[in-house]
Amino acid sequence: RAAALEGEGVIFQPSFLVGDDLRTGRLVELLPDHRPM
């Protein structure tokens, strides 16, 4: 997560870890037409 916040690349991580970052815009969810696992 810390590396992703620094702009190092794309990550595939659970919502309990990145949920706050998505809500604040620090991270952006990709491919919204795909249903998350």
PDB file of all heavy atoms in Angstrom:
ATOM      1  N   ARG A   1       0.836  -1.209   0.000  1.00  0.00           N
ATOM      2  CA  ARG A   1       0.000   0.000   0.000  1.00  0.00           C
ATOM      3  C   ARG A   1       0.872   1.261   0.000  1.00  0.00           C
ATOM      4  O   ARG A   1       0.624   2.214  -0.767  1.00  0.00           O
ATOM      5  CB  ARG A   1      -0.911  -0.007   1.224  1.00  0.00           C
ATOM      6  CG  ARG A   1      -1.647   1.297   1.471  1.00  0.00           C
ATOM      7  CD  ARG A   1      -2.490   1.246   2.744  1.00  0.00           C
ATOM      8  NE  ARG A   1      -3.007   2.553   3.061  1.00  0.00           N
ATOM      9  CZ  ARG A   1      -2.394   3.427   3.865  1.00  0.00           C
ATOM     10  NH1 ARG A   1      -1.228   3.109   4.423  1.00  0.00           N
ATOM     11  NH2 ARG A   1      -2.940   4.613   4.103  1.00  0.00           N
ATOM     12  N   ALA A   2       1.900   1.278   0.855  1.00  0.00           N
ATOM     13  CA  ALA A   2       2.775   2.453   0.931  1.00  0.00           C
ATOM     14  C   ALA A   2       3.473   2.709  -0.402  1.00  0.00           C
ATOM     15  O   ALA A   2       3.590   3.860  -0.845  1.00  0.00           O
ATOM     16  CB  ALA A   2       3.804   2.260   2.045  1.00  0.00           C
ATOM     17  N   ALA A   3       3.912   1.657  -1.071  1.00  0.00           N
ATOM     18  CA  ALA A   3       4.561   1.808  -2.377  1.00  0.00           C
ATOM     19  C   ALA A   3       3.581   2.343  -3.414  1.00  0.00           C
ATOM     20  O   ALA A   3       3.935   3.191  -4.241  1.00  0.00           O
ATOM     21  CB  ALA A   3       5.138   0.469  -2.825  1.00  0.00           C
ATOM     22  N   ALA A   4       2.336   1.846  -3.365  1.00  0.00           N
ATOM     23  CA  ALA A   4       1.322   2.341  -4.304  1.00  0.00           C
ATOM     24  C   ALA A   4       1.041   3.817  -4.076  1.00  0.00           C
ATOM     25  O   ALA A   4       0.884   4.596  -5.033  1.00  0.00           O
ATOM     26  CB  ALA A   4       0.041   1.525  -4.161  1.00  0.00           C
ATOM     27  N   LEU A   5       0.957   4.239  -2.822  1.00  0.00           N
ATOM     28  CA  LEU A   5       0.703   5.655  -2.514  1.00  0.00           C
ATOM     29  C   LEU A   5       1.829   6.547  -3.017  1.00  0.00           C
ATOM     30  O   LEU A   5       1.615   7.735  -3.325  1.00  0.00           O
ATOM     31  CB  LEU A   5       0.528   5.838  -1.003  1.00  0.00           C
ATOM     32  CG  LEU A   5      -0.754   5.243  -0.400  1.00  0.00           C
ATOM     33  CD1 LEU A   5      -0.712   5.298   1.120  1.00  0.00           C
ATOM     34  CD2 LEU A   5      -1.987   5.982  -0.931  1.00  0.00           C
ATOM     35  N   GLU A   6       3.028   5.977  -3.126  1.00  0.00           N
ATOM     36  CA  GLU A   6       4.166   6.729  -3.663  1.00  0.00           C
ATOM     37  C   GLU A   6       4.204   6.712  -5.189  1.00  0.00           C
ATOM     38  O   GLU A   6       5.129   7.245  -5.799  1.00  0.00           O
ATOM     39  CB  GLU A   6       5.476   6.151  -3.118  1.00  0.00           C
ATOM     40  CG  GLU A   6       5.697   6.398  -1.640  1.00  0.00           C
ATOM     41  CD  GLU A   6       5.844   7.871  -1.315  1.00  0.00           C
ATOM     42  OE1 GLU A   6       6.460   8.598  -2.117  1.00  0.00           O
ATOM     43  OE2 GLU A   6       5.328   8.297  -0.267  1.00  0.00           O
ATOM     44  N   GLY A   7       3.210   6.067  -5.805  1.00  0.00           N
ATOM     45  CA  GLY A   7       3.146   6.063  -7.261  1.00  0.00           C
ATOM     46  C   GLY A   7       3.973   5.003  -7.929  1.00  0.00           C
ATOM     47  O   GLY A   7       4.294   5.115  -9.120  1.00  0.00           O
ATOM     48  N   GLU A   8       4.305   3.921  -7.203  1.00  0.00           N
ATOM     49  CA  GLU A   8       5.179   2.888  -7.757  1.00  0.00           C
ATOM     50  C   GLU A   8       4.470   1.949  -8.726  1.00  0.00           C
ATOM     51  O   GLU A   8       5.120   1.277  -9.510  1.00  0.00           O
ATOM     52  CB  GLU A   8       5.794   2.076  -6.626  1.00  0.00           C
ATOM     53  CG  GLU A   8       6.913   2.782  -5.882  1.00  0.00           C
ATOM     54  CD  GLU A   8       8.082   3.087  -6.803  1.00  0.00           C
ATOM     55  OE1 GLU A   8       8.590   2.145  -7.441  1.00  0.00           O
ATOM     56  OE2 GLU A   8       8.461   4.256  -6.902  1.00  0.00           O
ATOM     57  N   GLY A   9       3.136   1.859  -8.656  1.00  0.00           N
ATOM     58  CA  GLY A   9       2.479   0.954  -9.590  1.00  0.00           C
ATOM     59  C   GLY A   9       1.078   0.565  -9.158  1.00  0.00           C
ATOM     60  O   GLY A   9       0.508   1.114  -8.216  1.00  0.00           O
ATOM     61  N   VAL A  10       0.539  -0.430  -9.886  1.00  0.00           N
ATOM     62  CA  VAL A  10      -0.817  -0.925  -9.664  1.00  0.00           C
ATOM     63  C   VAL A  10      -0.780  -2.042  -8.620  1.00  0.00           C
ATOM     64  O   VAL A  10       0.124  -2.890  -8.640  1.00  0.00           O
ATOM     65  CB  VAL A  10      -1.413  -1.462 -10.981  1.00  0.00           C
ATOM     66  CG1 VAL A  10      -2.812  -2.028 -10.748  1.00  0.00           C
ATOM     67  CG2 VAL A  10      -1.448  -0.364 -12.035  1.00  0.00           C
ATOM     68  N   ILE A  11      -1.761  -2.057  -7.721  1.00  0.00           N
ATOM     69  CA  ILE A  11      -1.822  -3.100  -6.697  1.00  0.00           C
ATOM     70  C   ILE A  11      -3.192  -3.781  -6.719  1.00  0.00           C
ATOM     71  O   ILE A  11      -4.173  -3.222  -7.218  1.00  0.00           O
ATOM     72  CB  ILE A  11      -1.530  -2.561  -5.282  1.00  0.00           C
ATOM     73  CG1 ILE A  11      -2.590  -1.538  -4.858  1.00  0.00           C
ATOM     74  CG2 ILE A  11      -0.136  -1.962  -5.232  1.00  0.00           C
ATOM     75  CD1 ILE A  11      -2.443  -1.079  -3.401  1.00  0.00           C
ATOM     76  N   PHE A  12      -3.234  -4.979  -6.183  1.00  0.00           N
ATOM     77  CA  PHE A  12      -4.462  -5.763  -6.075  1.00  0.00           C
ATOM     78  C   PHE A  12      -4.539  -6.205  -4.620  1.00  0.00           C
ATOM     79  O   PHE A  12      -3.955  -7.214  -4.232  1.00  0.00           O
ATOM     80  CB  PHE A  12      -4.361  -6.965  -7.018  1.00  0.00           C
ATOM     81  CG  PHE A  12      -5.659  -7.700  -7.248  1.00  0.00           C
ATOM     82  CD1 PHE A  12      -6.851  -7.035  -7.457  1.00  0.00           C
ATOM     83  CD2 PHE A  12      -5.675  -9.095  -7.265  1.00  0.00           C
ATOM     84  CE1 PHE A  12      -8.034  -7.726  -7.681  1.00  0.00           C
ATOM     85  CE2 PHE A  12      -6.850  -9.799  -7.492  1.00  0.00           C
ATOM     86  CZ  PHE A  12      -8.034  -9.112  -7.701  1.00  0.00           C
ATOM     87  N   GLN A  13      -5.255  -5.410  -3.807  1.00  0.00           N
ATOM     88  CA  GLN A  13      -5.241  -5.592  -2.363  1.00  0.00           C
ATOM     89  C   GLN A  13      -6.651  -5.535  -1.785  1.00  0.00           C
ATOM     90  O   GLN A  13      -7.574  -5.006  -2.408  1.00  0.00           O
ATOM     91  CB  GLN A  13      -4.362  -4.523  -1.708  1.00  0.00           C
ATOM     92  CG  GLN A  13      -2.865  -4.750  -1.892  1.00  0.00           C
ATOM     93  CD  GLN A  13      -2.384  -5.987  -1.152  1.00  0.00           C
ATOM     94  OE1 GLN A  13      -2.492  -6.099   0.068  1.00  0.00           O
ATOM     95  NE2 GLN A  13      -1.839  -6.946  -1.904  1.00  0.00           N
ATOM     96  N   PRO A  14      -6.853  -6.056  -0.584  1.00  0.00           N
ATOM     97  CA  PRO A  14      -8.196  -6.102  -0.005  1.00  0.00           C
ATOM     98  C   PRO A  14      -8.711  -4.735   0.430  1.00  0.00           C
ATOM     99  O   PRO A  14      -7.937  -3.849   0.808  1.00  0.00           O
ATOM    100  CB  PRO A  14      -8.028  -7.036   1.200  1.00  0.00           C
ATOM    101  CG  PRO A  14      -6.587  -7.032   1.507  1.00  0.00           C
ATOM    102  CD  PRO A  14      -5.859  -6.788   0.234  1.00  0.00           C
ATOM    103  N   SER A  15     -10.030  -4.608   0.390  1.00  0.00           N
ATOM    104  CA  SER A  15     -10.668  -3.334   0.723  1.00  0.00           C
ATOM    105  C   SER A  15     -10.448  -2.934   2.171  1.00  0.00           C
ATOM    106  O   SER A  15     -10.449  -1.741   2.488  1.00  0.00           O
ATOM    107  CB  SER A  15     -12.169  -3.402   0.423  1.00  0.00           C
ATOM    108  OG  SER A  15     -12.774  -4.507   1.086  1.00  0.00           O
ATOM    109  N   PHE A  16     -10.223  -3.909   3.073  1.00  0.00           N
ATOM    110  CA  PHE A  16      -9.989  -3.515   4.463  1.00  0.00           C
ATOM    111  C   PHE A  16      -8.662  -2.792   4.628  1.00  0.00           C
ATOM    112  O   PHE A  16      -8.435  -2.100   5.614  1.00  0.00           O
ATOM    113  CB  PHE A  16     -10.069  -4.720   5.413  1.00  0.00           C
ATOM    114  CG  PHE A  16      -9.020  -5.773   5.224  1.00  0.00           C
ATOM    115  CD1 PHE A  16      -7.712  -5.586   5.619  1.00  0.00           C
ATOM    116  CD2 PHE A  16      -9.361  -6.995   4.651  1.00  0.00           C
ATOM    117  CE1 PHE A  16      -6.755  -6.574   5.443  1.00  0.00           C
ATOM    118  CE2 PHE A  16      -8.415  -7.991   4.481  1.00  0.00           C
ATOM    119  CZ  PHE A  16      -7.108  -7.777   4.877  1.00  0.00           C
ATOM    120  N   LEU A  17      -7.768  -2.905   3.635  1.00  0.00           N
ATOM    121  CA  LEU A  17      -6.477  -2.237   3.688  1.00  0.00           C
ATOM    122  C   LEU A  17      -6.487  -0.905   2.946  1.00  0.00           C
ATOM    123  O   LEU A  17      -5.894   0.073   3.399  1.00  0.00           O
ATOM    124  CB  LEU A  17      -5.399  -3.160   3.101  1.00  0.00           C
ATOM    125  CG  LEU A  17      -3.967  -2.621   3.097  1.00  0.00           C
ATOM    126  CD1 LEU A  17      -3.488  -2.373   4.534  1.00  0.00           C
ATOM    127  CD2 LEU A  17      -3.035  -3.606   2.415  1.00  0.00           C
ATOM    128  N   VAL A  18      -7.182  -0.848   1.796  1.00  0.00           N
ATOM    129  CA  VAL A  18      -7.124   0.354   0.957  1.00  0.00           C
ATOM    130  C   VAL A  18      -8.433   1.134   0.920  1.00  0.00           C
ATOM    131  O   VAL A  18      -8.543   2.129   0.203  1.00  0.00           O
ATOM    132  CB  VAL A  18      -6.706  -0.019  -0.482  1.00  0.00           C
ATOM    133  CG1 VAL A  18      -5.322  -0.653  -0.493  1.00  0.00           C
ATOM    134  CG2 VAL A  18      -7.725  -0.951  -1.134  1.00  0.00           C
ATOM    135  N   GLY A  19      -9.430   0.715   1.695  1.00  0.00           N
ATOM    136  CA  GLY A  19     -10.740   1.358   1.650  1.00  0.00           C
ATOM    137  C   GLY A  19     -10.695   2.846   1.928  1.00  0.00           C
ATOM    138  O   GLY A  19     -11.307   3.652   1.202  1.00  0.00           O
ATOM    139  N   ASP A  20      -9.980   3.263   2.960  1.00  0.00           N
ATOM    140  CA  ASP A  20      -9.891   4.694   3.295  1.00  0.00           C
ATOM    141  C   ASP A  20      -9.182   5.470   2.189  1.00  0.00           C
ATOM    142  O   ASP A  20      -9.548   6.616   1.887  1.00  0.00           O
ATOM    143  CB  ASP A  20      -9.158   4.886   4.617  1.00  0.00           C
ATOM    144  CG  ASP A  20      -9.997   4.467   5.816  1.00  0.00           C
ATOM    145  OD1 ASP A  20     -11.235   4.341   5.659  1.00  0.00           O
ATOM    146  OD2 ASP A  20      -9.422   4.256   6.898  1.00  0.00           O
ATOM    147  N   ASP A  21      -8.172   4.861   1.576  1.00  0.00           N
ATOM    148  CA  ASP A  21      -7.452   5.538   0.490  1.00  0.00           C
ATOM    149  C   ASP A  21      -8.359   5.748  -0.713  1.00  0.00           C
ATOM    150  O   ASP A  21      -8.273   6.787  -1.386  1.00  0.00           O
ATOM    151  CB  ASP A  21      -6.231   4.699   0.078  1.00  0.00           C
ATOM    152  CG  ASP A  21      -5.245   4.516   1.220  1.00  0.00           C
ATOM    153  OD1 ASP A  21      -4.965   5.496   1.926  1.00  0.00           O
ATOM    154  OD2 ASP A  21      -4.769   3.390   1.404  1.00  0.00           O
ATOM    155  N   LEU A  22      -9.220   4.802  -1.002  1.00  0.00           N
ATOM    156  CA  LEU A  22     -10.158   4.949  -2.115  1.00  0.00           C
ATOM    157  C   LEU A  22     -11.181   6.044  -1.816  1.00  0.00           C
ATOM    158  O   LEU A  22     -11.527   6.850  -2.703  1.00  0.00           O
ATOM    159  CB  LEU A  22     -10.872   3.621  -2.384  1.00  0.00           C
ATOM    160  CG  LEU A  22      -9.994   2.454  -2.845  1.00  0.00           C
ATOM    161  CD1 LEU A  22     -10.800   1.166  -2.866  1.00  0.00           C
ATOM    162  CD2 LEU A  22      -9.409   2.731  -4.232  1.00  0.00           C
ATOM    163  N   ARG A  23     -11.655   6.110  -0.586  1.00  0.00           N
ATOM    164  CA  ARG A  23     -12.662   7.110  -0.224  1.00  0.00           C
ATOM    165  C   ARG A  23     -12.101   8.520  -0.247  1.00  0.00           C
ATOM    166  O   ARG A  23     -12.822   9.472  -0.566  1.00  0.00           O
ATOM    167  CB  ARG A  23     -13.245   6.783   1.155  1.00  0.00           C
ATOM    168  CG  ARG A  23     -14.198   5.583   1.143  1.00  0.00           C
ATOM    169  CD  ARG A  23     -14.886   5.375   2.481  1.00  0.00           C
ATOM    170  NE  ARG A  23     -14.034   4.709   3.448  1.00  0.00           N
ATOM    171  CZ  ARG A  23     -13.932   3.394   3.555  1.00  0.00           C
ATOM    172  NH1 ARG A  23     -14.618   2.594   2.754  1.00  0.00           N
ATOM    173  NH2 ARG A  23     -13.144   2.853   4.473  1.00  0.00           N
ATOM    174  N   THR A  24     -10.813   8.671   0.056  1.00  0.00           N
ATOM    175  CA  THR A  24     -10.203  10.002   0.077  1.00  0.00           C
ATOM    176  C   THR A  24      -9.555  10.375  -1.254  1.00  0.00           C
ATOM    177  O   THR A  24      -9.113  11.514  -1.421  1.00  0.00           O
ATOM    178  CB  THR A  24      -9.143  10.091   1.183  1.00  0.00           C
ATOM    179  OG1 THR A  24      -8.133   9.096   0.946  1.00  0.00           O
ATOM    180  CG2 THR A  24      -9.770   9.872   2.550  1.00  0.00           C
ATOM    181  N   GLY A  25      -9.462   9.419  -2.180  1.00  0.00           N
ATOM    182  CA  GLY A  25      -8.861   9.713  -3.476  1.00  0.00           C
ATOM    183  C   GLY A  25      -7.368   9.518  -3.540  1.00  0.00           C
ATOM    184  O   GLY A  25      -6.753   9.804  -4.574  1.00  0.00           O
ATOM    185  N   ARG A  26      -6.754   9.062  -2.454  1.00  0.00           N
ATOM    186  CA  ARG A  26      -5.307   8.809  -2.500  1.00  0.00           C
ATOM    187  C   ARG A  26      -4.985   7.662  -3.446  1.00  0.00           C
ATOM    188  O   ARG A  26      -3.897   7.584  -4.008  1.00  0.00           O
ATOM    189  CB  ARG A  26      -4.780   8.506  -1.090  1.00  0.00           C
ATOM    190  CG  ARG A  26      -4.838   9.689  -0.133  1.00  0.00           C
ATOM    191  CD  ARG A  26      -4.084   9.399   1.163  1.00  0.00           C
ATOM    192  NE  ARG A  26      -4.688   8.317   1.910  1.00  0.00           N
ATOM    193  CZ  ARG A  26      -5.595   8.478   2.866  1.00  0.00           C
ATOM    194  NH1 ARG A  26      -5.999   9.697   3.175  1.00  0.00           N
ATOM    195  NH2 ARG A  26      -6.091   7.441   3.523  1.00  0.00           N
ATOM    196  N   LEU A  27      -5.950   6.733  -3.579  1.00  0.00           N
ATOM    197  CA  LEU A  27      -5.854   5.663  -4.567  1.00  0.00           C
ATOM    198  C   LEU A  27      -7.131   5.675  -5.402  1.00  0.00           C
ATOM    199  O   LEU A  27      -8.196   6.060  -4.913  1.00  0.00           O
ATOM    200  CB  LEU A  27      -5.683   4.299  -3.892  1.00  0.00           C
ATOM    201  CG  LEU A  27      -4.364   4.046  -3.151  1.00  0.00           C
ATOM    202  CD1 LEU A  27      -4.412   2.710  -2.412  1.00  0.00           C
ATOM    203  CD2 LEU A  27      -3.163   4.093  -4.100  1.00  0.00           C
ATOM    204  N   VAL A  28      -7.018   5.218  -6.644  1.00  0.00           N
ATOM    205  CA  VAL A  28      -8.153   5.209  -7.572  1.00  0.00           C
ATOM    206  C   VAL A  28      -8.428   3.770  -7.997  1.00  0.00           C
ATOM    207  O   VAL A  28      -7.507   3.055  -8.426  1.00  0.00           O
ATOM    208  CB  VAL A  28      -7.853   6.070  -8.810  1.00  0.00           C
ATOM    209  CG1 VAL A  28      -9.009   5.999  -9.810  1.00  0.00           C
ATOM    210  CG2 VAL A  28      -7.566   7.519  -8.406  1.00  0.00           C
ATOM    211  N   GLU A  29      -9.682   3.337  -7.871  1.00  0.00           N
ATOM    212  CA  GLU A  29     -10.034   1.995  -8.310  1.00  0.00           C
ATOM    213  C   GLU A  29     -10.035   1.930  -9.831  1.00  0.00           C
ATOM    214  O   GLU A  29     -10.552   2.829 -10.509  1.00  0.00           O
ATOM    215  CB  GLU A  29     -11.409   1.596  -7.764  1.00  0.00           C
ATOM    216  CG  GLU A  29     -11.764   0.153  -8.069  1.00  0.00           C
ATOM    217  CD  GLU A  29     -12.955  -0.353  -7.277  1.00  0.00           C
ATOM    218  OE1 GLU A  29     -13.530   0.424  -6.480  1.00  0.00           O
ATOM    219  OE2 GLU A  29     -13.305  -1.536  -7.469  1.00  0.00           O
ATOM    220  N   LEU A  30      -9.486   0.864 -10.379  1.00  0.00           N
ATOM    221  CA  LEU A  30      -9.366   0.695 -11.820  1.00  0.00           C
ATOM    222  C   LEU A  30     -10.396  -0.303 -12.336  1.00  0.00           C
ATOM    223  O   LEU A  30     -10.887  -1.154 -11.600  1.00  0.00           O
ATOM    224  CB  LEU A  30      -7.963   0.203 -12.169  1.00  0.00           C
ATOM    225  CG  LEU A  30      -6.794   1.057 -11.642  1.00  0.00           C
ATOM    226  CD1 LEU A  30      -5.468   0.430 -12.019  1.00  0.00           C
ATOM    227  CD2 LEU A  30      -6.897   2.492 -12.165  1.00  0.00           C
ATOM    228  N   LEU A  31     -10.708  -0.195 -13.610  1.00  0.00           N
ATOM    229  CA  LEU A  31     -11.634  -1.098 -14.292  1.00  0.00           C
ATOM    230  C   LEU A  31     -12.945  -1.262 -13.506  1.00  0.00           C
ATOM    231  O   LEU A  31     -13.315  -2.369 -13.099  1.00  0.00           O
ATOM    232  CB  LEU A  31     -10.982  -2.466 -14.512  1.00  0.00           C
ATOM    233  CG  LEU A  31      -9.664  -2.465 -15.303  1.00  0.00           C
ATOM    234  CD1 LEU A  31      -9.096  -3.875 -15.363  1.00  0.00           C
ATOM    235  CD2 LEU A  31      -9.871  -1.904 -16.702  1.00  0.00           C
ATOM    236  N   PRO A  32     -13.675  -0.163 -13.311  1.00  0.00           N
ATOM    237  CA  PRO A  32     -14.907  -0.237 -12.503  1.00  0.00           C
ATOM    238  C   PRO A  32     -15.999  -1.111 -13.115  1.00  0.00           C
ATOM    239  O   PRO A  32     -16.935  -1.498 -12.402  1.00  0.00           O
ATOM    240  CB  PRO A  32     -15.347   1.228 -12.412  1.00  0.00           C
ATOM    241  CG  PRO A  32     -14.703   1.898 -13.581  1.00  0.00           C
ATOM    242  CD  PRO A  32     -13.407   1.202 -13.793  1.00  0.00           C
ATOM    243  N   ASP A  33     -15.893  -1.444 -14.416  1.00  0.00           N
ATOM    244  CA  ASP A  33     -16.899  -2.322 -15.015  1.00  0.00           C
ATOM    245  C   ASP A  33     -16.638  -3.796 -14.698  1.00  0.00           C
ATOM    246  O   ASP A  33     -17.461  -4.656 -15.005  1.00  0.00           O
ATOM    247  CB  ASP A  33     -16.950  -2.127 -16.538  1.00  0.00           C
ATOM    248  CG  ASP A  33     -15.606  -2.360 -17.207  1.00  0.00           C
ATOM    249  OD1 ASP A  33     -14.566  -2.264 -16.504  1.00  0.00           O
ATOM    250  OD2 ASP A  33     -15.582  -2.647 -18.414  1.00  0.00           O
ATOM    251  N   HIS A  34     -15.501  -4.075 -14.074  1.00  0.00           N
ATOM    252  CA  HIS A  34     -15.208  -5.431 -13.622  1.00  0.00           C
ATOM    253  C   HIS A  34     -15.643  -5.567 -12.158  1.00  0.00           C
ATOM    254  O   HIS A  34     -15.388  -4.680 -11.344  1.00  0.00           O
ATOM    255  CB  HIS A  34     -13.712  -5.745 -13.720  1.00  0.00           C
ATOM    256  CG  HIS A  34     -13.251  -5.991 -15.123  1.00  0.00           C
ATOM    257  ND1 HIS A  34     -13.269  -5.019 -16.090  1.00  0.00           N
ATOM    258  CD2 HIS A  34     -12.767  -7.119 -15.719  1.00  0.00           C
ATOM    259  CE1 HIS A  34     -12.802  -5.507 -17.228  1.00  0.00           C
ATOM    260  NE2 HIS A  34     -12.494  -6.787 -17.030  1.00  0.00           N
ATOM    261  N   ARG A  35     -16.288  -6.674 -11.828  1.00  0.00           N
ATOM    262  CA  ARG A  35     -16.748  -6.881 -10.462  1.00  0.00           C
ATOM    263  C   ARG A  35     -15.600  -7.430  -9.615  1.00  0.00           C
ATOM    264  O   ARG A  35     -14.989  -8.433  -9.971  1.00  0.00           O
ATOM    265  CB  ARG A  35     -17.917  -7.867 -10.442  1.00  0.00           C
ATOM    266  CG  ARG A  35     -18.636  -7.930  -9.082  1.00  0.00           C
ATOM    267  CD  ARG A  35     -19.846  -8.828  -9.158  1.00  0.00           C
ATOM    268  NE  ARG A  35     -19.448 -10.221  -9.357  1.00  0.00           N
ATOM    269  CZ  ARG A  35     -20.281 -11.185  -9.722  1.00  0.00           C
ATOM    270  NH1 ARG A  35     -21.545 -10.898  -9.970  1.00  0.00           N
ATOM    271  NH2 ARG A  35     -19.849 -12.425  -9.854  1.00  0.00           N
ATOM    272  N   PRO A  36     -15.315  -6.765  -8.490  1.00  0.00           N
ATOM    273  CA  PRO A  36     -14.200  -7.219  -7.657  1.00  0.00           C
ATOM    274  C   PRO A  36     -14.474  -8.604  -7.067  1.00  0.00           C
ATOM    275  O   PRO A  36     -15.620  -8.985  -6.842  1.00  0.00           O
ATOM    276  CB  PRO A  36     -14.126  -6.167  -6.547  1.00  0.00           C
ATOM    277  CG  PRO A  36     -14.904  -5.003  -7.052  1.00  0.00           C
ATOM    278  CD  PRO A  36     -15.954  -5.554  -7.962  1.00  0.00           C
ATOM    279  N   MET A  37     -13.418  -9.323  -6.817  1.00  0.00           N
ATOM    280  CA  MET A  37     -13.516 -10.648  -6.223  1.00  0.00           C
ATOM    281  C   MET A  37     -13.753 -10.522  -4.719  1.00  0.00           C
ATOM    282  O   MET A  37     -13.042  -9.785  -4.028  1.00  0.00           O
ATOM    283  CB  MET A  37     -12.226 -11.424  -6.487  1.00  0.00           C
ATOM    284  CG  MET A  37     -12.188 -12.814  -5.901  1.00  0.00           C
ATOM    285  SD  MET A  37     -10.687 -13.691  -6.386  1.00  0.00           S
ATOM    286  CE  MET A  37      -9.441 -12.694  -5.601  1.00  0.00           C
TER     287      MET A  37
END
